[in-house]
Amino acid sequence: MRLILGSITCFLIGGIPSGLIIGRILGGSNLRTYGSGNIGATNALRAYGVYPALMTLTFDIIKGIIPLILIKIWNPNALLMACCGMSAILGHDFSPYLKFNGGKGVATSLGVFLVLSPKAILISFLFWMLLLAIFKIVSIASIGAGILLPLVIYPFGYPVEIFFAGILACLLIMLRHKDNIRRLIRGEEKRLGRDKSKA
């Protein structure tokens, strides 16, 4: 019962479309009709600028952190926390408030694994920053960090449930970046930056 209740709650929290809400509050157009159509921080940067993008990033990370901290206080069971963490990520990727459309889950995954495996996610995040500095393409950094995550969870000795959650998070990131992967293959993926015209 705790597993079901916790997972549903985390799914609903994870599904809150931060970028879309922030854009509406700031008087911008619908983020889903701009650029890539994604509701995450990268598209918010192109549409609205730095500060709205940072707000979007922050809230997407918080959507992963707060539910997991509450679950940890409620019952620090590895299976429960892993399932609830994945539910938060799935909520962001397939938001029930957007007809099960959503973002790519990278920021919410960061928040989730800051609670589940802080040492591993720190290494993964540093790798993300390195890839971004080299290639200036967010999708490359996100895919690379996603692949690295389960590989660094395992050596730290986290529970096996957390390791498998890392594998699932990696697969979700790959799935949600499938269009980016196609553009990367064609050499059409955009570098980090803001479009000249605002949404």
Protein backbone atom coordinates (compact mmCIF):
# COMPACT_ATOMS: atom_id res chain seq x y z
CA MET A 1 0.00 0.00 0.00
CA ARG A 2 2.83 2.38 0.86
CA LEU A 3 4.50 1.59 -2.46
CA ILE A 4 1.35 2.37 -4.44
CA LEU A 5 0.48 5.52 -2.49
CA GLY A 6 4.02 6.85 -2.56
CA SER A 7 4.49 6.13 -6.27
CA ILE A 8 1.21 7.82 -7.26
CA THR A 9 2.01 10.88 -5.14
CA CYS A 10 5.52 11.20 -6.61
CA PHE A 11 4.15 10.74 -10.13
CA LEU A 12 1.69 13.60 -9.63
CA ILE A 13 4.37 15.88 -8.14
CA GLY A 14 6.86 15.00 -10.87
CA GLY A 15 4.25 15.76 -13.50
CA ILE A 16 3.90 19.45 -12.53
CA PRO A 17 5.03 21.29 -15.72
CA SER A 18 7.35 23.87 -14.17
CA GLY A 19 8.56 25.45 -17.41
CA LEU A 20 5.05 25.81 -18.77
CA ILE A 21 3.77 27.41 -15.56
CA ILE A 22 6.72 29.80 -15.28
CA GLY A 23 6.26 30.85 -18.90
CA ARG A 24 2.59 31.56 -18.31
CA ILE A 25 3.30 33.56 -15.16
CA LEU A 26 5.89 35.66 -16.99
CA GLY A 27 3.45 36.33 -19.79
CA GLY A 28 5.29 34.28 -22.39
CA SER A 29 3.72 32.07 -25.01
CA ASN A 30 3.09 28.38 -24.55
CA LEU A 31 6.54 26.77 -24.26
CA ARG A 32 5.30 23.69 -26.12
CA THR A 33 4.72 25.79 -29.25
CA TYR A 34 8.26 27.18 -29.25
CA GLY A 35 11.57 25.74 -30.40
CA SER A 36 11.79 22.02 -29.67
CA GLY A 37 8.43 22.09 -27.90
CA ASN A 38 10.06 20.69 -24.77
CA ILE A 39 9.01 22.04 -21.36
CA GLY A 40 12.48 21.82 -19.82
CA ALA A 41 15.12 24.40 -18.98
CA THR A 42 16.99 24.26 -22.31
CA ASN A 43 13.94 25.25 -24.33
CA ALA A 44 12.97 27.79 -21.66
CA LEU A 45 16.41 29.35 -22.10
CA ARG A 46 15.85 29.75 -25.81
CA ALA A 47 12.30 31.00 -25.33
CA TYR A 48 12.48 33.24 -22.27
CA GLY A 49 16.12 33.78 -21.30
CA VAL A 50 18.47 32.89 -18.47
CA TYR A 51 16.45 33.59 -15.32
CA PRO A 52 13.23 31.81 -16.36
CA ALA A 53 15.40 28.89 -17.50
CA LEU A 54 17.16 28.78 -14.12
CA MET A 55 13.79 28.90 -12.37
CA THR A 56 12.56 26.02 -14.53
CA LEU A 57 15.72 24.02 -13.83
CA THR A 58 15.45 24.66 -10.09
CA PHE A 59 11.82 23.61 -9.82
CA ASP A 60 12.36 20.52 -11.97
CA ILE A 61 15.19 19.45 -9.64
CA ILE A 62 13.07 20.20 -6.56
CA LYS A 63 10.32 17.95 -7.96
CA GLY A 64 12.76 15.09 -7.55
CA ILE A 65 14.30 16.12 -4.23
CA ILE A 66 11.33 16.99 -2.01
CA PRO A 67 9.17 13.87 -2.63
CA LEU A 68 12.16 11.59 -2.09
CA ILE A 69 13.16 13.31 1.15
CA LEU A 70 9.58 12.93 2.42
CA ILE A 71 9.54 9.26 1.40
CA LYS A 72 12.88 8.75 3.13
CA ILE A 73 11.49 10.25 6.34
CA TRP A 74 8.29 8.22 5.99
CA ASN A 75 9.99 4.88 5.30
CA PRO A 76 13.67 4.67 4.26
CA ASN A 77 13.20 1.46 2.31
CA ALA A 78 15.42 1.15 -0.79
CA LEU A 79 12.74 -0.44 -2.97
CA LEU A 80 10.13 2.13 -1.95
CA MET A 81 12.50 5.03 -2.56
CA ALA A 82 13.66 3.67 -5.91
CA CYS A 83 10.08 3.15 -7.13
CA CYS A 84 8.98 6.57 -5.91
CA GLY A 85 12.01 8.21 -7.50
CA MET A 86 11.27 6.60 -10.84
CA SER A 87 7.62 7.62 -10.49
CA ALA A 88 8.66 11.27 -10.11
CA ILE A 89 10.82 11.03 -13.24
CA LEU A 90 8.04 9.29 -15.17
CA GLY A 91 5.63 11.99 -14.03
CA HIS A 92 7.89 14.65 -15.52
CA ASP A 93 8.40 12.69 -18.75
CA PHE A 94 4.73 11.78 -19.15
CA SER A 95 2.87 14.48 -17.25
CA PRO A 96 -0.75 13.63 -16.41
CA TYR A 97 -1.48 17.37 -16.65
CA LEU A 98 -0.30 17.51 -20.29
CA LYS A 99 -2.10 14.44 -21.66
CA PHE A 100 0.95 12.34 -20.74
CA ASN A 101 3.40 14.46 -22.68
CA GLY A 102 6.28 16.10 -20.86
CA GLY A 103 9.99 16.79 -20.62
CA LYS A 104 13.11 14.69 -20.87
CA GLY A 105 13.61 14.02 -17.18
CA VAL A 106 17.23 15.08 -16.78
CA ALA A 107 16.76 17.75 -14.11
CA THR A 108 14.19 15.70 -12.19
CA SER A 109 16.54 12.70 -12.35
CA LEU A 110 19.25 14.90 -10.89
CA GLY A 111 16.96 15.76 -7.97
CA VAL A 112 15.93 12.14 -7.43
CA PHE A 113 19.47 10.77 -7.41
CA LEU A 114 20.73 13.58 -5.20
CA VAL A 115 18.69 11.76 -2.57
CA LEU A 116 19.15 8.16 -3.76
CA SER A 117 22.86 8.21 -4.63
CA PRO A 118 24.47 11.62 -3.98
CA LYS A 119 28.07 10.56 -4.66
CA ALA A 120 27.20 8.92 -7.96
CA ILE A 121 25.06 11.79 -9.22
CA LEU A 122 27.80 14.29 -8.35
CA ILE A 123 30.24 12.43 -10.61
CA SER A 124 27.59 12.14 -13.32
CA PHE A 125 26.82 15.87 -13.05
CA LEU A 126 30.50 16.81 -13.30
CA PHE A 127 30.69 14.64 -16.42
CA TRP A 128 27.63 16.47 -17.77
CA MET A 129 29.38 19.79 -17.25
CA LEU A 130 32.54 18.52 -18.95
CA LEU A 131 30.63 17.29 -22.00
CA LEU A 132 28.67 20.54 -22.19
CA ALA A 133 31.89 22.58 -22.01
CA ILE A 134 33.43 20.51 -24.81
CA PHE A 135 30.50 20.13 -27.22
CA LYS A 136 28.15 23.01 -26.20
CA ILE A 137 25.24 20.64 -26.92
CA VAL A 138 22.94 19.85 -24.01
CA SER A 139 21.65 16.57 -25.44
CA ILE A 140 25.16 15.11 -25.70
CA ALA A 141 25.88 16.10 -22.11
CA SER A 142 22.57 14.68 -20.88
CA ILE A 143 22.89 11.38 -22.73
CA GLY A 144 26.49 10.95 -21.62
CA ALA A 145 25.69 11.71 -17.97
CA GLY A 146 22.70 9.38 -18.11
CA ILE A 147 24.82 6.50 -19.40
CA LEU A 148 27.49 7.13 -16.74
CA LEU A 149 25.03 7.23 -13.82
CA PRO A 150 24.38 3.48 -13.29
CA LEU A 151 28.05 2.76 -13.95
CA VAL A 152 29.10 4.93 -11.00
CA ILE A 153 26.21 3.92 -8.73
CA TYR A 154 27.40 0.31 -8.63
CA PRO A 155 30.97 0.83 -7.31
CA PHE A 156 29.75 2.96 -4.41
CA GLY A 157 27.79 0.02 -3.04
CA TYR A 158 24.33 1.55 -3.07
CA PRO A 159 21.45 -0.95 -2.76
CA VAL A 160 20.73 -2.97 -5.87
CA GLU A 161 17.30 -1.28 -6.15
CA ILE A 162 19.05 2.08 -6.59
CA PHE A 163 21.36 0.58 -9.22
CA PHE A 164 18.42 -0.68 -11.26
CA ALA A 165 16.70 2.69 -10.85
CA GLY A 166 19.83 4.23 -12.36
CA ILE A 167 19.61 1.87 -15.33
CA LEU A 168 15.93 2.75 -15.85
CA ALA A 169 16.67 6.46 -15.57
CA CYS A 170 19.40 6.07 -18.19
CA LEU A 171 17.04 4.23 -20.55
CA LEU A 172 14.37 6.90 -20.08
CA ILE A 173 16.85 9.66 -20.87
CA MET A 174 17.87 7.82 -24.04
CA LEU A 175 14.22 7.29 -25.00
CA ARG A 176 13.26 10.92 -24.42
CA HIS A 177 16.27 12.09 -26.44
CA LYS A 178 15.56 9.89 -29.47
CA ASP A 179 14.78 12.92 -31.67
CA ASN A 180 17.97 14.63 -30.46
CA ILE A 181 19.94 11.50 -31.32
CA ARG A 182 18.54 11.58 -34.85
CA ARG A 183 19.49 15.26 -35.20
CA LEU A 184 22.96 14.54 -33.83
CA ILE A 185 23.44 11.83 -36.46
CA ARG A 186 22.34 14.29 -39.17
CA GLY A 187 24.51 17.06 -37.69
CA GLU A 188 21.46 19.27 -37.08
CA GLU A 189 21.39 19.47 -33.27
CA LYS A 190 21.48 23.03 -31.94
CA ARG A 191 24.23 24.24 -29.64
CA LEU A 192 23.41 25.79 -26.29
CA GLY A 193 22.15 29.34 -26.50
CA ARG A 194 19.14 31.52 -26.83
CA ASP A 195 17.30 32.21 -30.04
CA LYS A 196 17.32 35.81 -31.18
CA SER A 197 13.56 36.11 -30.94
CA LYS A 198 11.69 35.50 -27.69
CA ALA A 199 8.64 33.35 -27.42
